[in-house]
C-alpha cells in the first residue's frame, strides 16, 4: 500500500499542492 501511494505521489512530485501535508501523509 505504501509503495502504491509513493508511486502515485511521484507523478506529481514537481508540483505538489501542499508539500508539507504530502510529506506528513
PDBML (XML) file of the C-alpha atoms, coordinates in Angstrom:
<?xml version="1.0" encoding="UTF-8" ?>
<PDBx:datablock datablockName="MODEL"
   xmlns:PDBx="http://pdbml.pdb.org/schema/pdbx-v50.xsd"
   xmlns:xsi="http://www.w3.org/2001/XMLSchema-instance"
   xsi:schemaLocation="http://pdbml.pdb.org/schema/pdbx-v50.xsd pdbx-v50.xsd">
   <PDBx:atom_siteCategory>
      <PDBx:atom_site id="1">
         <PDBx:B_iso_or_equiv>0.00</PDBx:B_iso_or_equiv>
         <PDBx:Cartn_x>0.000</PDBx:Cartn_x>
         <PDBx:Cartn_y>0.000</PDBx:Cartn_y>
         <PDBx:Cartn_z>0.000</PDBx:Cartn_z>
         <PDBx:auth_asym_id>A</PDBx:auth_asym_id>
         <PDBx:auth_atom_id>CA</PDBx:auth_atom_id>
         <PDBx:auth_comp_id>UNK</PDBx:auth_comp_id>
         <PDBx:auth_seq_id>1</PDBx:auth_seq_id>
         <PDBx:group_PDB>ATOM</PDBx:group_PDB>
         <PDBx:label_alt_id xsi:nil="true" />
         <PDBx:label_asym_id>A</PDBx:label_asym_id>
         <PDBx:label_atom_id>CA</PDBx:label_atom_id>
         <PDBx:label_comp_id>UNK</PDBx:label_comp_id>
         <PDBx:label_entity_id>1</PDBx:label_entity_id>
         <PDBx:label_seq_id>1</PDBx:label_seq_id>
         <PDBx:occupancy>1.00</PDBx:occupancy>
         <PDBx:pdbx_PDB_model_num>1</PDBx:pdbx_PDB_model_num>
         <PDBx:type_symbol>C</PDBx:type_symbol>
      </PDBx:atom_site>
      <PDBx:atom_site id="2">
         <PDBx:B_iso_or_equiv>0.00</PDBx:B_iso_or_equiv>
         <PDBx:Cartn_x>2.841</PDBx:Cartn_x>
         <PDBx:Cartn_y>2.384</PDBx:Cartn_y>
         <PDBx:Cartn_z>0.830</PDBx:Cartn_z>
         <PDBx:auth_asym_id>A</PDBx:auth_asym_id>
         <PDBx:auth_atom_id>CA</PDBx:auth_atom_id>
         <PDBx:auth_comp_id>UNK</PDBx:auth_comp_id>
         <PDBx:auth_seq_id>2</PDBx:auth_seq_id>
         <PDBx:group_PDB>ATOM</PDBx:group_PDB>
         <PDBx:label_alt_id xsi:nil="true" />
         <PDBx:label_asym_id>A</PDBx:label_asym_id>
         <PDBx:label_atom_id>CA</PDBx:label_atom_id>
         <PDBx:label_comp_id>UNK</PDBx:label_comp_id>
         <PDBx:label_entity_id>1</PDBx:label_entity_id>
         <PDBx:label_seq_id>2</PDBx:label_seq_id>
         <PDBx:occupancy>1.00</PDBx:occupancy>
         <PDBx:pdbx_PDB_model_num>1</PDBx:pdbx_PDB_model_num>
         <PDBx:type_symbol>C</PDBx:type_symbol>
      </PDBx:atom_site>
      <PDBx:atom_site id="3">
         <PDBx:B_iso_or_equiv>0.00</PDBx:B_iso_or_equiv>
         <PDBx:Cartn_x>4.620</PDBx:Cartn_x>
         <PDBx:Cartn_y>1.605</PDBx:Cartn_y>
         <PDBx:Cartn_z>-2.441</PDBx:Cartn_z>
         <PDBx:auth_asym_id>A</PDBx:auth_asym_id>
         <PDBx:auth_atom_id>CA</PDBx:auth_atom_id>
         <PDBx:auth_comp_id>UNK</PDBx:auth_comp_id>
         <PDBx:auth_seq_id>3</PDBx:auth_seq_id>
         <PDBx:group_PDB>ATOM</PDBx:group_PDB>
         <PDBx:label_alt_id xsi:nil="true" />
         <PDBx:label_asym_id>A</PDBx:label_asym_id>
         <PDBx:label_atom_id>CA</PDBx:label_atom_id>
         <PDBx:label_comp_id>UNK</PDBx:label_comp_id>
         <PDBx:label_entity_id>1</PDBx:label_entity_id>
         <PDBx:label_seq_id>3</PDBx:label_seq_id>
         <PDBx:occupancy>1.00</PDBx:occupancy>
         <PDBx:pdbx_PDB_model_num>1</PDBx:pdbx_PDB_model_num>
         <PDBx:type_symbol>C</PDBx:type_symbol>
      </PDBx:atom_site>
      <PDBx:atom_site id="4">
         <PDBx:B_iso_or_equiv>0.00</PDBx:B_iso_or_equiv>
         <PDBx:Cartn_x>1.421</PDBx:Cartn_x>
         <PDBx:Cartn_y>2.352</PDBx:Cartn_y>
         <PDBx:Cartn_z>-4.379</PDBx:Cartn_z>
         <PDBx:auth_asym_id>A</PDBx:auth_asym_id>
         <PDBx:auth_atom_id>CA</PDBx:auth_atom_id>
         <PDBx:auth_comp_id>UNK</PDBx:auth_comp_id>
         <PDBx:auth_seq_id>4</PDBx:auth_seq_id>
         <PDBx:group_PDB>ATOM</PDBx:group_PDB>
         <PDBx:label_alt_id xsi:nil="true" />
         <PDBx:label_asym_id>A</PDBx:label_asym_id>
         <PDBx:label_atom_id>CA</PDBx:label_atom_id>
         <PDBx:label_comp_id>UNK</PDBx:label_comp_id>
         <PDBx:label_entity_id>1</PDBx:label_entity_id>
         <PDBx:label_seq_id>4</PDBx:label_seq_id>
         <PDBx:occupancy>1.00</PDBx:occupancy>
         <PDBx:pdbx_PDB_model_num>1</PDBx:pdbx_PDB_model_num>
         <PDBx:type_symbol>C</PDBx:type_symbol>
      </PDBx:atom_site>
      <PDBx:atom_site id="5">
         <PDBx:B_iso_or_equiv>0.00</PDBx:B_iso_or_equiv>
         <PDBx:Cartn_x>0.969</PDBx:Cartn_x>
         <PDBx:Cartn_y>5.658</PDBx:Cartn_y>
         <PDBx:Cartn_z>-2.536</PDBx:Cartn_z>
         <PDBx:auth_asym_id>A</PDBx:auth_asym_id>
         <PDBx:auth_atom_id>CA</PDBx:auth_atom_id>
         <PDBx:auth_comp_id>UNK</PDBx:auth_comp_id>
         <PDBx:auth_seq_id>5</PDBx:auth_seq_id>
         <PDBx:group_PDB>ATOM</PDBx:group_PDB>
         <PDBx:label_alt_id xsi:nil="true" />
         <PDBx:label_asym_id>A</PDBx:label_asym_id>
         <PDBx:label_atom_id>CA</PDBx:label_atom_id>
         <PDBx:label_comp_id>UNK</PDBx:label_comp_id>
         <PDBx:label_entity_id>1</PDBx:label_entity_id>
         <PDBx:label_seq_id>5</PDBx:label_seq_id>
         <PDBx:occupancy>1.00</PDBx:occupancy>
         <PDBx:pdbx_PDB_model_num>1</PDBx:pdbx_PDB_model_num>
         <PDBx:type_symbol>C</PDBx:type_symbol>
      </PDBx:atom_site>
      <PDBx:atom_site id="6">
         <PDBx:B_iso_or_equiv>0.00</PDBx:B_iso_or_equiv>
         <PDBx:Cartn_x>4.583</PDBx:Cartn_x>
         <PDBx:Cartn_y>6.661</PDBx:Cartn_y>
         <PDBx:Cartn_z>-3.237</PDBx:Cartn_z>
         <PDBx:auth_asym_id>A</PDBx:auth_asym_id>
         <PDBx:auth_atom_id>CA</PDBx:auth_atom_id>
         <PDBx:auth_comp_id>UNK</PDBx:auth_comp_id>
         <PDBx:auth_seq_id>6</PDBx:auth_seq_id>
         <PDBx:group_PDB>ATOM</PDBx:group_PDB>
         <PDBx:label_alt_id xsi:nil="true" />
         <PDBx:label_asym_id>A</PDBx:label_asym_id>
         <PDBx:label_atom_id>CA</PDBx:label_atom_id>
         <PDBx:label_comp_id>UNK</PDBx:label_comp_id>
         <PDBx:label_entity_id>1</PDBx:label_entity_id>
         <PDBx:label_seq_id>6</PDBx:label_seq_id>
         <PDBx:occupancy>1.00</PDBx:occupancy>
         <PDBx:pdbx_PDB_model_num>1</PDBx:pdbx_PDB_model_num>
         <PDBx:type_symbol>C</PDBx:type_symbol>
      </PDBx:atom_site>
      <PDBx:atom_site id="7">
         <PDBx:B_iso_or_equiv>0.00</PDBx:B_iso_or_equiv>
         <PDBx:Cartn_x>4.246</PDBx:Cartn_x>
         <PDBx:Cartn_y>5.777</PDBx:Cartn_y>
         <PDBx:Cartn_z>-6.909</PDBx:Cartn_z>
         <PDBx:auth_asym_id>A</PDBx:auth_asym_id>
         <PDBx:auth_atom_id>CA</PDBx:auth_atom_id>
         <PDBx:auth_comp_id>UNK</PDBx:auth_comp_id>
         <PDBx:auth_seq_id>7</PDBx:auth_seq_id>
         <PDBx:group_PDB>ATOM</PDBx:group_PDB>
         <PDBx:label_alt_id xsi:nil="true" />
         <PDBx:label_asym_id>A</PDBx:label_asym_id>
         <PDBx:label_atom_id>CA</PDBx:label_atom_id>
         <PDBx:label_comp_id>UNK</PDBx:label_comp_id>
         <PDBx:label_entity_id>1</PDBx:label_entity_id>
         <PDBx:label_seq_id>7</PDBx:label_seq_id>
         <PDBx:occupancy>1.00</PDBx:occupancy>
         <PDBx:pdbx_PDB_model_num>1</PDBx:pdbx_PDB_model_num>
         <PDBx:type_symbol>C</PDBx:type_symbol>
      </PDBx:atom_site>
      <PDBx:atom_site id="8">
         <PDBx:B_iso_or_equiv>0.00</PDBx:B_iso_or_equiv>
         <PDBx:Cartn_x>1.143</PDBx:Cartn_x>
         <PDBx:Cartn_y>7.958</PDBx:Cartn_y>
         <PDBx:Cartn_z>-7.197</PDBx:Cartn_z>
         <PDBx:auth_asym_id>A</PDBx:auth_asym_id>
         <PDBx:auth_atom_id>CA</PDBx:auth_atom_id>
         <PDBx:auth_comp_id>UNK</PDBx:auth_comp_id>
         <PDBx:auth_seq_id>8</PDBx:auth_seq_id>
         <PDBx:group_PDB>ATOM</PDBx:group_PDB>
         <PDBx:label_alt_id xsi:nil="true" />
         <PDBx:label_asym_id>A</PDBx:label_asym_id>
         <PDBx:label_atom_id>CA</PDBx:label_atom_id>
         <PDBx:label_comp_id>UNK</PDBx:label_comp_id>
         <PDBx:label_entity_id>1</PDBx:label_entity_id>
         <PDBx:label_seq_id>8</PDBx:label_seq_id>
         <PDBx:occupancy>1.00</PDBx:occupancy>
         <PDBx:pdbx_PDB_model_num>1</PDBx:pdbx_PDB_model_num>
         <PDBx:type_symbol>C</PDBx:type_symbol>
      </PDBx:atom_site>
      <PDBx:atom_site id="9">
         <PDBx:B_iso_or_equiv>0.00</PDBx:B_iso_or_equiv>
         <PDBx:Cartn_x>2.851</PDBx:Cartn_x>
         <PDBx:Cartn_y>10.847</PDBx:Cartn_y>
         <PDBx:Cartn_z>-5.357</PDBx:Cartn_z>
         <PDBx:auth_asym_id>A</PDBx:auth_asym_id>
         <PDBx:auth_atom_id>CA</PDBx:auth_atom_id>
         <PDBx:auth_comp_id>UNK</PDBx:auth_comp_id>
         <PDBx:auth_seq_id>9</PDBx:auth_seq_id>
         <PDBx:group_PDB>ATOM</PDBx:group_PDB>
         <PDBx:label_alt_id xsi:nil="true" />
         <PDBx:label_asym_id>A</PDBx:label_asym_id>
         <PDBx:label_atom_id>CA</PDBx:label_atom_id>
         <PDBx:label_comp_id>UNK</PDBx:label_comp_id>
         <PDBx:label_entity_id>1</PDBx:label_entity_id>
         <PDBx:label_seq_id>9</PDBx:label_seq_id>
         <PDBx:occupancy>1.00</PDBx:occupancy>
         <PDBx:pdbx_PDB_model_num>1</PDBx:pdbx_PDB_model_num>
         <PDBx:type_symbol>C</PDBx:type_symbol>
      </PDBx:atom_site>
      <PDBx:atom_site id="10">
         <PDBx:B_iso_or_equiv>0.00</PDBx:B_iso_or_equiv>
         <PDBx:Cartn_x>5.920</PDBx:Cartn_x>
         <PDBx:Cartn_y>10.625</PDBx:Cartn_y>
         <PDBx:Cartn_z>-7.604</PDBx:Cartn_z>
         <PDBx:auth_asym_id>A</PDBx:auth_asym_id>
         <PDBx:auth_atom_id>CA</PDBx:auth_atom_id>
         <PDBx:auth_comp_id>UNK</PDBx:auth_comp_id>
         <PDBx:auth_seq_id>10</PDBx:auth_seq_id>
         <PDBx:group_PDB>ATOM</PDBx:group_PDB>
         <PDBx:label_alt_id xsi:nil="true" />
         <PDBx:label_asym_id>A</PDBx:label_asym_id>
         <PDBx:label_atom_id>CA</PDBx:label_atom_id>
         <PDBx:label_comp_id>UNK</PDBx:label_comp_id>
         <PDBx:label_entity_id>1</PDBx:label_entity_id>
         <PDBx:label_seq_id>10</PDBx:label_seq_id>
         <PDBx:occupancy>1.00</PDBx:occupancy>
         <PDBx:pdbx_PDB_model_num>1</PDBx:pdbx_PDB_model_num>
         <PDBx:type_symbol>C</PDBx:type_symbol>
      </PDBx:atom_site>
      <PDBx:atom_site id="11">
         <PDBx:B_iso_or_equiv>0.00</PDBx:B_iso_or_equiv>
         <PDBx:Cartn_x>3.798</PDBx:Cartn_x>
         <PDBx:Cartn_y>11.546</PDBx:Cartn_y>
         <PDBx:Cartn_z>-10.643</PDBx:Cartn_z>
         <PDBx:auth_asym_id>A</PDBx:auth_asym_id>
         <PDBx:auth_atom_id>CA</PDBx:auth_atom_id>
         <PDBx:auth_comp_id>UNK</PDBx:auth_comp_id>
         <PDBx:auth_seq_id>11</PDBx:auth_seq_id>
         <PDBx:group_PDB>ATOM</PDBx:group_PDB>
         <PDBx:label_alt_id xsi:nil="true" />
         <PDBx:label_asym_id>A</PDBx:label_asym_id>
         <PDBx:label_atom_id>CA</PDBx:label_atom_id>
         <PDBx:label_comp_id>UNK</PDBx:label_comp_id>
         <PDBx:label_entity_id>1</PDBx:label_entity_id>
         <PDBx:label_seq_id>11</PDBx:label_seq_id>
         <PDBx:occupancy>1.00</PDBx:occupancy>
         <PDBx:pdbx_PDB_model_num>1</PDBx:pdbx_PDB_model_num>
         <PDBx:type_symbol>C</PDBx:type_symbol>
      </PDBx:atom_site>
      <PDBx:atom_site id="12">
         <PDBx:B_iso_or_equiv>0.00</PDBx:B_iso_or_equiv>
         <PDBx:Cartn_x>3.143</PDBx:Cartn_x>
         <PDBx:Cartn_y>14.983</PDBx:Cartn_y>
         <PDBx:Cartn_z>-9.134</PDBx:Cartn_z>
         <PDBx:auth_asym_id>A</PDBx:auth_asym_id>
         <PDBx:auth_atom_id>CA</PDBx:auth_atom_id>
         <PDBx:auth_comp_id>UNK</PDBx:auth_comp_id>
         <PDBx:auth_seq_id>12</PDBx:auth_seq_id>
         <PDBx:group_PDB>ATOM</PDBx:group_PDB>
         <PDBx:label_alt_id xsi:nil="true" />
         <PDBx:label_asym_id>A</PDBx:label_asym_id>
         <PDBx:label_atom_id>CA</PDBx:label_atom_id>
         <PDBx:label_comp_id>UNK</PDBx:label_comp_id>
         <PDBx:label_entity_id>1</PDBx:label_entity_id>
         <PDBx:label_seq_id>12</PDBx:label_seq_id>
         <PDBx:occupancy>1.00</PDBx:occupancy>
         <PDBx:pdbx_PDB_model_num>1</PDBx:pdbx_PDB_model_num>
         <PDBx:type_symbol>C</PDBx:type_symbol>
      </PDBx:atom_site>
      <PDBx:atom_site id="13">
         <PDBx:B_iso_or_equiv>0.00</PDBx:B_iso_or_equiv>
         <PDBx:Cartn_x>6.369</PDBx:Cartn_x>
         <PDBx:Cartn_y>15.413</PDBx:Cartn_y>
         <PDBx:Cartn_z>-7.178</PDBx:Cartn_z>
         <PDBx:auth_asym_id>A</PDBx:auth_asym_id>
         <PDBx:auth_atom_id>CA</PDBx:auth_atom_id>
         <PDBx:auth_comp_id>UNK</PDBx:auth_comp_id>
         <PDBx:auth_seq_id>13</PDBx:auth_seq_id>
         <PDBx:group_PDB>ATOM</PDBx:group_PDB>
         <PDBx:label_alt_id xsi:nil="true" />
         <PDBx:label_asym_id>A</PDBx:label_asym_id>
         <PDBx:label_atom_id>CA</PDBx:label_atom_id>
         <PDBx:label_comp_id>UNK</PDBx:label_comp_id>
         <PDBx:label_entity_id>1</PDBx:label_entity_id>
         <PDBx:label_seq_id>13</PDBx:label_seq_id>
         <PDBx:occupancy>1.00</PDBx:occupancy>
         <PDBx:pdbx_PDB_model_num>1</PDBx:pdbx_PDB_model_num>
         <PDBx:type_symbol>C</PDBx:type_symbol>
      </PDBx:atom_site>
      <PDBx:atom_site id="14">
         <PDBx:B_iso_or_equiv>0.00</PDBx:B_iso_or_equiv>
         <PDBx:Cartn_x>7.478</PDBx:Cartn_x>
         <PDBx:Cartn_y>18.513</PDBx:Cartn_y>
         <PDBx:Cartn_z>-9.096</PDBx:Cartn_z>
         <PDBx:auth_asym_id>A</PDBx:auth_asym_id>
         <PDBx:auth_atom_id>CA</PDBx:auth_atom_id>
         <PDBx:auth_comp_id>UNK</PDBx:auth_comp_id>
         <PDBx:auth_seq_id>14</PDBx:auth_seq_id>
         <PDBx:group_PDB>ATOM</PDBx:group_PDB>
         <PDBx:label_alt_id xsi:nil="true" />
         <PDBx:label_asym_id>A</PDBx:label_asym_id>
         <PDBx:label_atom_id>CA</PDBx:label_atom_id>
         <PDBx:label_comp_id>UNK</PDBx:label_comp_id>
         <PDBx:label_entity_id>1</PDBx:label_entity_id>
         <PDBx:label_seq_id>14</PDBx:label_seq_id>
         <PDBx:occupancy>1.00</PDBx:occupancy>
         <PDBx:pdbx_PDB_model_num>1</PDBx:pdbx_PDB_model_num>
         <PDBx:type_symbol>C</PDBx:type_symbol>
      </PDBx:atom_site>
      <PDBx:atom_site id="15">
         <PDBx:B_iso_or_equiv>0.00</PDBx:B_iso_or_equiv>
         <PDBx:Cartn_x>4.222</PDBx:Cartn_x>
         <PDBx:Cartn_y>20.369</PDBx:Cartn_y>
         <PDBx:Cartn_z>-8.371</PDBx:Cartn_z>
         <PDBx:auth_asym_id>A</PDBx:auth_asym_id>
         <PDBx:auth_atom_id>CA</PDBx:auth_atom_id>
         <PDBx:auth_comp_id>UNK</PDBx:auth_comp_id>
         <PDBx:auth_seq_id>15</PDBx:auth_seq_id>
         <PDBx:group_PDB>ATOM</PDBx:group_PDB>
         <PDBx:label_alt_id xsi:nil="true" />
         <PDBx:label_asym_id>A</PDBx:label_asym_id>
         <PDBx:label_atom_id>CA</PDBx:label_atom_id>
         <PDBx:label_comp_id>UNK</PDBx:label_comp_id>
         <PDBx:label_entity_id>1</PDBx:label_entity_id>
         <PDBx:label_seq_id>15</PDBx:label_seq_id>
         <PDBx:occupancy>1.00</PDBx:occupancy>
         <PDBx:pdbx_PDB_model_num>1</PDBx:pdbx_PDB_model_num>
         <PDBx:type_symbol>C</PDBx:type_symbol>
      </PDBx:atom_site>
      <PDBx:atom_site id="16">
         <PDBx:B_iso_or_equiv>0.00</PDBx:B_iso_or_equiv>
         <PDBx:Cartn_x>2.661</PDBx:Cartn_x>
         <PDBx:Cartn_y>19.135</PDBx:Cartn_y>
         <PDBx:Cartn_z>-5.102</PDBx:Cartn_z>
         <PDBx:auth_asym_id>A</PDBx:auth_asym_id>
         <PDBx:auth_atom_id>CA</PDBx:auth_atom_id>
         <PDBx:auth_comp_id>UNK</PDBx:auth_comp_id>
         <PDBx:auth_seq_id>16</PDBx:auth_seq_id>
         <PDBx:group_PDB>ATOM</PDBx:group_PDB>
         <PDBx:label_alt_id xsi:nil="true" />
         <PDBx:label_asym_id>A</PDBx:label_asym_id>
         <PDBx:label_atom_id>CA</PDBx:label_atom_id>
         <PDBx:label_comp_id>UNK</PDBx:label_comp_id>
         <PDBx:label_entity_id>1</PDBx:label_entity_id>
         <PDBx:label_seq_id>16</PDBx:label_seq_id>
         <PDBx:occupancy>1.00</PDBx:occupancy>
         <PDBx:pdbx_PDB_model_num>1</PDBx:pdbx_PDB_model_num>
         <PDBx:type_symbol>C</PDBx:type_symbol>
      </PDBx:atom_site>
      <PDBx:atom_site id="17">
         <PDBx:B_iso_or_equiv>0.00</PDBx:B_iso_or_equiv>
         <PDBx:Cartn_x>-0.405</PDBx:Cartn_x>
         <PDBx:Cartn_y>21.043</PDBx:Cartn_y>
         <PDBx:Cartn_z>-3.898</PDBx:Cartn_z>
         <PDBx:auth_asym_id>A</PDBx:auth_asym_id>
         <PDBx:auth_atom_id>CA</PDBx:auth_atom_id>
         <PDBx:auth_comp_id>UNK</PDBx:auth_comp_id>
         <PDBx:auth_seq_id>17</PDBx:auth_seq_id>
         <PDBx:group_PDB>ATOM</PDBx:group_PDB>
         <PDBx:label_alt_id xsi:nil="true" />
         <PDBx:label_asym_id>A</PDBx:label_asym_id>
         <PDBx:label_atom_id>CA</PDBx:label_atom_id>
         <PDBx:label_comp_id>UNK</PDBx:label_comp_id>
         <PDBx:label_entity_id>1</PDBx:label_entity_id>
         <PDBx:label_seq_id>17</PDBx:label_seq_id>
         <PDBx:occupancy>1.00</PDBx:occupancy>
         <PDBx:pdbx_PDB_model_num>1</PDBx:pdbx_PDB_model_num>
         <PDBx:type_symbol>C</PDBx:type_symbol>
      </PDBx:atom_site>
      <PDBx:atom_site id="18">
         <PDBx:B_iso_or_equiv>0.00</PDBx:B_iso_or_equiv>
         <PDBx:Cartn_x>0.981</PDBx:Cartn_x>
         <PDBx:Cartn_y>21.147</PDBx:Cartn_y>
         <PDBx:Cartn_z>-0.336</PDBx:Cartn_z>
         <PDBx:auth_asym_id>A</PDBx:auth_asym_id>
         <PDBx:auth_atom_id>CA</PDBx:auth_atom_id>
         <PDBx:auth_comp_id>UNK</PDBx:auth_comp_id>
         <PDBx:auth_seq_id>18</PDBx:auth_seq_id>
         <PDBx:group_PDB>ATOM</PDBx:group_PDB>
         <PDBx:label_alt_id xsi:nil="true" />
         <PDBx:label_asym_id>A</PDBx:label_asym_id>
         <PDBx:label_atom_id>CA</PDBx:label_atom_id>
         <PDBx:label_comp_id>UNK</PDBx:label_comp_id>
         <PDBx:label_entity_id>1</PDBx:label_entity_id>
         <PDBx:label_seq_id>18</PDBx:label_seq_id>
         <PDBx:occupancy>1.00</PDBx:occupancy>
         <PDBx:pdbx_PDB_model_num>1</PDBx:pdbx_PDB_model_num>
         <PDBx:type_symbol>C</PDBx:type_symbol>
      </PDBx:atom_site>
      <PDBx:atom_site id="19">
         <PDBx:B_iso_or_equiv>0.00</PDBx:B_iso_or_equiv>
         <PDBx:Cartn_x>4.465</PDBx:Cartn_x>
         <PDBx:Cartn_y>19.712</PDBx:Cartn_y>
         <PDBx:Cartn_z>0.146</PDBx:Cartn_z>
         <PDBx:auth_asym_id>A</PDBx:auth_asym_id>
         <PDBx:auth_atom_id>CA</PDBx:auth_atom_id>
         <PDBx:auth_comp_id>UNK</PDBx:auth_comp_id>
         <PDBx:auth_seq_id>19</PDBx:auth_seq_id>
         <PDBx:group_PDB>ATOM</PDBx:group_PDB>
         <PDBx:label_alt_id xsi:nil="true" />
         <PDBx:label_asym_id>A</PDBx:label_asym_id>
         <PDBx:label_atom_id>CA</PDBx:label_atom_id>
         <PDBx:label_comp_id>UNK</PDBx:label_comp_id>
         <PDBx:label_entity_id>1</PDBx:label_entity_id>
         <PDBx:label_seq_id>19</PDBx:label_seq_id>
         <PDBx:occupancy>1.00</PDBx:occupancy>
         <PDBx:pdbx_PDB_model_num>1</PDBx:pdbx_PDB_model_num>
         <PDBx:type_symbol>C</PDBx:type_symbol>
      </PDBx:atom_site>
      <PDBx:atom_site id="20">
         <PDBx:B_iso_or_equiv>0.00</PDBx:B_iso_or_equiv>
         <PDBx:Cartn_x>4.262</PDBx:Cartn_x>
         <PDBx:Cartn_y>19.684</PDBx:Cartn_y>
         <PDBx:Cartn_z>3.939</PDBx:Cartn_z>
         <PDBx:auth_asym_id>A</PDBx:auth_asym_id>
         <PDBx:auth_atom_id>CA</PDBx:auth_atom_id>
         <PDBx:auth_comp_id>UNK</PDBx:auth_comp_id>
         <PDBx:auth_seq_id>20</PDBx:auth_seq_id>
         <PDBx:group_PDB>ATOM</PDBx:group_PDB>
         <PDBx:label_alt_id xsi:nil="true" />
         <PDBx:label_asym_id>A</PDBx:label_asym_id>
         <PDBx:label_atom_id>CA</PDBx:label_atom_id>
         <PDBx:label_comp_id>UNK</PDBx:label_comp_id>
         <PDBx:label_entity_id>1</PDBx:label_entity_id>
         <PDBx:label_seq_id>20</PDBx:label_seq_id>
         <PDBx:occupancy>1.00</PDBx:occupancy>
         <PDBx:pdbx_PDB_model_num>1</PDBx:pdbx_PDB_model_num>
         <PDBx:type_symbol>C</PDBx:type_symbol>
      </PDBx:atom_site>
      <PDBx:atom_site id="21">
         <PDBx:B_iso_or_equiv>0.00</PDBx:B_iso_or_equiv>
         <PDBx:Cartn_x>0.985</PDBx:Cartn_x>
         <PDBx:Cartn_y>17.788</PDBx:Cartn_y>
         <PDBx:Cartn_z>4.105</PDBx:Cartn_z>
         <PDBx:auth_asym_id>A</PDBx:auth_asym_id>
         <PDBx:auth_atom_id>CA</PDBx:auth_atom_id>
         <PDBx:auth_comp_id>UNK</PDBx:auth_comp_id>
         <PDBx:auth_seq_id>21</PDBx:auth_seq_id>
         <PDBx:group_PDB>ATOM</PDBx:group_PDB>
         <PDBx:label_alt_id xsi:nil="true" />
         <PDBx:label_asym_id>A</PDBx:label_asym_id>
         <PDBx:label_atom_id>CA</PDBx:label_atom_id>
         <PDBx:label_comp_id>UNK</PDBx:label_comp_id>
         <PDBx:label_entity_id>1</PDBx:label_entity_id>
         <PDBx:label_seq_id>21</PDBx:label_seq_id>
         <PDBx:occupancy>1.00</PDBx:occupancy>
         <PDBx:pdbx_PDB_model_num>1</PDBx:pdbx_PDB_model_num>
         <PDBx:type_symbol>C</PDBx:type_symbol>
      </PDBx:atom_site>
      <PDBx:atom_site id="22">
         <PDBx:B_iso_or_equiv>0.00</PDBx:B_iso_or_equiv>
         <PDBx:Cartn_x>2.173</PDBx:Cartn_x>
         <PDBx:Cartn_y>15.368</PDBx:Cartn_y>
         <PDBx:Cartn_z>1.419</PDBx:Cartn_z>
         <PDBx:auth_asym_id>A</PDBx:auth_asym_id>
         <PDBx:auth_atom_id>CA</PDBx:auth_atom_id>
         <PDBx:auth_comp_id>UNK</PDBx:auth_comp_id>
         <PDBx:auth_seq_id>22</PDBx:auth_seq_id>
         <PDBx:group_PDB>ATOM</PDBx:group_PDB>
         <PDBx:label_alt_id xsi:nil="true" />
         <PDBx:label_asym_id>A</PDBx:label_asym_id>
         <PDBx:label_atom_id>CA</PDBx:label_atom_id>
         <PDBx:label_comp_id>UNK</PDBx:label_comp_id>
         <PDBx:label_entity_id>1</PDBx:label_entity_id>
         <PDBx:label_seq_id>22</PDBx:label_seq_id>
         <PDBx:occupancy>1.00</PDBx:occupancy>
         <PDBx:pdbx_PDB_model_num>1</PDBx:pdbx_PDB_model_num>
         <PDBx:type_symbol>C</PDBx:type_symbol>
      </PDBx:atom_site>
      <PDBx:atom_site id="23">
         <PDBx:B_iso_or_equiv>0.00</PDBx:B_iso_or_equiv>
         <PDBx:Cartn_x>5.316</PDBx:Cartn_x>
         <PDBx:Cartn_y>14.519</PDBx:Cartn_y>
         <PDBx:Cartn_z>3.376</PDBx:Cartn_z>
         <PDBx:auth_asym_id>A</PDBx:auth_asym_id>
         <PDBx:auth_atom_id>CA</PDBx:auth_atom_id>
         <PDBx:auth_comp_id>UNK</PDBx:auth_comp_id>
         <PDBx:auth_seq_id>23</PDBx:auth_seq_id>
         <PDBx:group_PDB>ATOM</PDBx:group_PDB>
         <PDBx:label_alt_id xsi:nil="true" />
         <PDBx:label_asym_id>A</PDBx:label_asym_id>
         <PDBx:label_atom_id>CA</PDBx:label_atom_id>
         <PDBx:label_comp_id>UNK</PDBx:label_comp_id>
         <PDBx:label_entity_id>1</PDBx:label_entity_id>
         <PDBx:label_seq_id>23</PDBx:label_seq_id>
         <PDBx:occupancy>1.00</PDBx:occupancy>
         <PDBx:pdbx_PDB_model_num>1</PDBx:pdbx_PDB_model_num>
         <PDBx:type_symbol>C</PDBx:type_symbol>
      </PDBx:atom_site>
      <PDBx:atom_site id="24">
         <PDBx:B_iso_or_equiv>0.00</PDBx:B_iso_or_equiv>
         <PDBx:Cartn_x>3.363</PDBx:Cartn_x>
         <PDBx:Cartn_y>14.052</PDBx:Cartn_y>
         <PDBx:Cartn_z>6.605</PDBx:Cartn_z>
         <PDBx:auth_asym_id>A</PDBx:auth_asym_id>
         <PDBx:auth_atom_id>CA</PDBx:auth_atom_id>
         <PDBx:auth_comp_id>UNK</PDBx:auth_comp_id>
         <PDBx:auth_seq_id>24</PDBx:auth_seq_id>
         <PDBx:group_PDB>ATOM</PDBx:group_PDB>
         <PDBx:label_alt_id xsi:nil="true" />
         <PDBx:label_asym_id>A</PDBx:label_asym_id>
         <PDBx:label_atom_id>CA</PDBx:label_atom_id>
         <PDBx:label_comp_id>UNK</PDBx:label_comp_id>
         <PDBx:label_entity_id>1</PDBx:label_entity_id>
         <PDBx:label_seq_id>24</PDBx:label_seq_id>
         <PDBx:occupancy>1.00</PDBx:occupancy>
         <PDBx:pdbx_PDB_model_num>1</PDBx:pdbx_PDB_model_num>
         <PDBx:type_symbol>C</PDBx:type_symbol>
      </PDBx:atom_site>
      <PDBx:atom_site id="25">
         <PDBx:B_iso_or_equiv>0.00</PDBx:B_iso_or_equiv>
         <PDBx:Cartn_x>0.904</PDBx:Cartn_x>
         <PDBx:Cartn_y>11.731</PDBx:Cartn_y>
         <PDBx:Cartn_z>4.853</PDBx:Cartn_z>
         <PDBx:auth_asym_id>A</PDBx:auth_asym_id>
         <PDBx:auth_atom_id>CA</PDBx:auth_atom_id>
         <PDBx:auth_comp_id>UNK</PDBx:auth_comp_id>
         <PDBx:auth_seq_id>25</PDBx:auth_seq_id>
         <PDBx:group_PDB>ATOM</PDBx:group_PDB>
         <PDBx:label_alt_id xsi:nil="true" />
         <PDBx:label_asym_id>A</PDBx:label_asym_id>
         <PDBx:label_atom_id>CA</PDBx:label_atom_id>
         <PDBx:label_comp_id>UNK</PDBx:label_comp_id>
         <PDBx:label_entity_id>1</PDBx:label_entity_id>
         <PDBx:label_seq_id>25</PDBx:label_seq_id>
         <PDBx:occupancy>1.00</PDBx:occupancy>
         <PDBx:pdbx_PDB_model_num>1</PDBx:pdbx_PDB_model_num>
         <PDBx:type_symbol>C</PDBx:type_symbol>
      </PDBx:atom_site>
   </PDBx:atom_siteCategory>
</PDBx:datablock>
